Amino acid sequence: MSVLLDGDPVTGHVTQERPHVHRPVRVRRPGETRRPPTRARVVAGRRRPQVPACAPRRVMPRWPWLAALAIAAALVITGLGVFAQGMSAAVPERTATVTVGQGQSLWDVARQYAPGSDADAVVARIEQLNSLSDAVVVPGLPLTVPVAAPAGS
């Protein structure tokens, strides 16, 4: 065996030349991405098998969420209804007999004699007190109307 010695031009020392070792080059397959050097290489047999797209998937039950949503919606609607009833003033208990003027409707009469109350409720009460079937009134017709108490009493 012979060893070739060659002098190092920088230091002048004689170094032993190493033979060049050819390593096989790994050829990437089509569609294979380059792996970053920090990511571990996937070893055969340790990868989770992929589930085929046609296999049945487990679907989480949605009824608990839907039931909770329905209960929450019902509570919100109930709360808004209670809140709305508390905001409108009740129909006055006192009544008076008034005469309907020219061009007046039941709505106008309700707003005139019970201004702080809900007009819909007052019109319904006027219809009930006078046994009216519709909201059309004739001028000069005497009506029994709920009247709000004067501010002094």
Protein backbone atom coordinates (compact mmCIF):
# COMPACT_ATOMS: atom_id res chain seq x y z
CA MET A 1 0.00 0.00 0.00
CA SER A 2 1.28 3.34 -0.88
CA VAL A 3 0.48 6.62 0.79
CA LEU A 4 0.77 9.83 -1.11
CA LEU A 5 2.15 12.61 0.91
CA ASP A 6 1.60 16.15 -0.02
CA GLY A 7 2.87 19.28 1.62
CA ASP A 8 0.46 21.77 3.09
CA PRO A 9 1.15 25.10 1.37
CA VAL A 10 0.13 27.17 4.40
CA THR A 11 1.98 25.48 7.21
CA GLY A 12 4.53 23.49 5.26
CA HIS A 13 3.63 20.28 7.05
CA VAL A 14 3.17 17.09 5.21
CA THR A 15 -0.41 15.76 5.34
CA GLN A 16 -1.84 12.46 4.36
CA GLU A 17 -4.41 12.69 1.59
CA ARG A 18 -7.68 10.96 2.24
CA PRO A 19 -9.43 9.19 -0.56
CA HIS A 20 -12.74 10.75 -1.66
CA VAL A 21 -15.72 8.65 -0.54
CA HIS A 22 -18.71 8.66 -2.87
CA ARG A 23 -22.02 8.68 -1.01
CA PRO A 24 -25.22 7.79 -2.80
CA VAL A 25 -27.40 10.77 -3.59
CA ARG A 26 -30.99 10.49 -2.35
CA VAL A 27 -33.41 11.26 -5.11
CA ARG A 28 -36.67 12.92 -4.06
CA ARG A 29 -39.84 11.31 -5.30
CA PRO A 30 -42.41 13.41 -7.17
CA GLY A 31 -44.75 15.19 -4.76
CA GLU A 32 -42.38 14.77 -1.81
CA THR A 33 -41.63 17.98 0.01
CA ARG A 34 -38.33 18.94 1.52
CA ARG A 35 -38.14 18.38 5.21
CA PRO A 36 -36.68 21.21 7.26
CA PRO A 37 -33.57 20.13 9.15
CA THR A 38 -35.26 20.82 12.51
CA ARG A 39 -38.17 18.49 11.86
CA ALA A 40 -37.82 14.85 12.75
CA ARG A 41 -37.91 12.32 9.98
CA VAL A 42 -40.99 10.10 9.91
CA VAL A 43 -39.98 6.54 10.49
CA ALA A 44 -41.88 3.83 8.69
CA GLY A 45 -44.53 2.20 10.84
CA ARG A 46 -44.85 5.06 13.33
CA ARG A 47 -47.16 7.24 11.34
CA ARG A 48 -50.89 7.21 12.11
CA PRO A 49 -52.82 5.57 9.32
CA GLN A 50 -55.03 7.98 7.44
CA VAL A 51 -58.75 7.36 7.53
CA PRO A 52 -60.23 6.99 4.08
CA ALA A 53 -62.66 9.73 3.09
CA CYS A 54 -65.43 7.21 2.54
CA ALA A 55 -65.24 5.78 6.06
CA PRO A 56 -67.99 6.85 8.49
CA ARG A 57 -66.88 9.59 10.84
CA ARG A 58 -68.01 9.97 14.40
CA VAL A 59 -70.26 12.99 14.63
CA MET A 60 -70.53 14.72 17.96
CA PRO A 61 -74.10 14.94 19.25
CA ARG A 62 -75.47 18.43 18.76
CA TRP A 63 -78.68 18.15 20.74
CA PRO A 64 -77.21 19.34 24.08
CA TRP A 65 -76.05 22.57 22.42
CA LEU A 66 -79.37 23.00 20.65
CA ALA A 67 -81.31 22.39 23.86
CA ALA A 68 -79.19 24.92 25.74
CA LEU A 69 -79.64 27.46 22.96
CA ALA A 70 -83.42 26.93 22.94
CA ILE A 71 -83.62 27.36 26.73
CA ALA A 72 -81.52 30.52 26.58
CA ALA A 73 -83.71 31.96 23.81
CA ALA A 74 -86.87 31.16 25.79
CA LEU A 75 -85.47 32.88 28.89
CA VAL A 76 -84.50 35.98 26.90
CA ILE A 77 -87.93 36.21 25.28
CA THR A 78 -89.69 35.72 28.62
CA GLY A 79 -87.51 38.35 30.25
CA LEU A 80 -88.22 40.84 27.48
CA GLY A 81 -91.95 40.20 27.82
CA VAL A 82 -91.88 40.79 31.57
CA PHE A 83 -89.75 43.88 31.07
CA ALA A 84 -92.14 45.26 28.42
CA GLN A 85 -95.20 44.71 30.64
CA GLY A 86 -93.54 46.59 33.46
CA MET A 87 -92.76 49.56 31.22
CA SER A 88 -96.30 50.27 29.98
CA ALA A 89 -98.70 51.89 32.39
CA ALA A 90 -101.88 50.02 33.22
CA VAL A 91 -105.27 51.09 31.90
CA PRO A 92 -106.90 53.51 34.37
CA GLU A 93 -109.74 52.14 36.48
CA ARG A 94 -111.75 55.36 36.62
CA THR A 95 -114.19 55.88 33.76
CA ALA A 96 -116.07 58.84 32.36
CA THR A 97 -118.66 59.31 29.65
CA VAL A 98 -117.44 61.47 26.77
CA THR A 99 -118.80 62.41 23.36
CA VAL A 100 -116.85 61.57 20.23
CA GLY A 101 -115.91 64.66 18.22
CA GLN A 102 -115.83 65.18 14.45
CA GLY A 103 -112.96 63.17 12.84
CA GLN A 104 -111.92 61.45 16.08
CA SER A 105 -111.10 57.76 16.23
CA LEU A 106 -110.85 55.46 19.23
CA TRP A 107 -107.07 55.97 19.13
CA ASP A 108 -107.45 59.73 19.43
CA VAL A 109 -109.91 59.35 22.34
CA ALA A 110 -107.55 56.86 24.09
CA ARG A 111 -104.54 59.20 23.73
CA GLN A 112 -106.57 62.20 24.89
CA TYR A 113 -108.09 60.74 28.06
CA ALA A 114 -105.37 58.25 29.11
CA PRO A 115 -102.10 59.75 27.81
CA GLY A 116 -99.78 57.79 30.11
CA SER A 117 -101.24 54.38 29.26
CA ASP A 118 -100.74 51.99 26.37
CA ALA A 119 -103.09 53.12 23.58
CA ASP A 120 -103.74 49.54 22.39
CA ALA A 121 -104.88 48.46 25.84
CA VAL A 122 -107.06 51.57 26.29
CA VAL A 123 -108.76 51.06 22.89
CA ALA A 124 -109.44 47.41 23.81
CA ARG A 125 -110.93 48.53 27.14
CA ILE A 126 -113.13 51.16 25.41
CA GLU A 127 -114.42 48.50 23.00
CA GLN A 128 -115.13 46.18 25.95
CA LEU A 129 -116.91 48.85 28.03
CA ASN A 130 -119.12 50.00 25.13
CA SER A 131 -119.65 46.58 23.45
CA LEU A 132 -118.17 47.80 20.16
CA SER A 133 -117.33 45.25 17.47
CA ASP A 134 -115.12 47.51 15.33
CA ALA A 135 -113.05 50.65 15.76
CA VAL A 136 -115.33 52.89 13.64
CA VAL A 137 -117.19 55.46 15.70
CA VAL A 138 -119.84 58.01 14.75
CA PRO A 139 -119.35 61.68 15.78
CA GLY A 140 -121.58 62.63 18.71
CA LEU A 141 -121.66 59.03 20.06
CA PRO A 142 -121.40 58.90 23.88
CA LEU A 143 -118.64 56.51 25.02
CA THR A 144 -117.54 55.25 28.40
CA VAL A 145 -113.79 55.84 28.48
CA PRO A 146 -111.06 55.04 31.04
CA VAL A 147 -109.74 58.33 32.37
CA ALA A 148 -106.37 58.96 33.96
CA ALA A 149 -106.48 60.44 37.45
CA PRO A 150 -105.77 64.20 37.58
CA ALA A 151 -102.24 65.16 38.64
CA GLY A 152 -103.52 66.74 41.90
CA SER A 153 -105.12 63.58 43.35
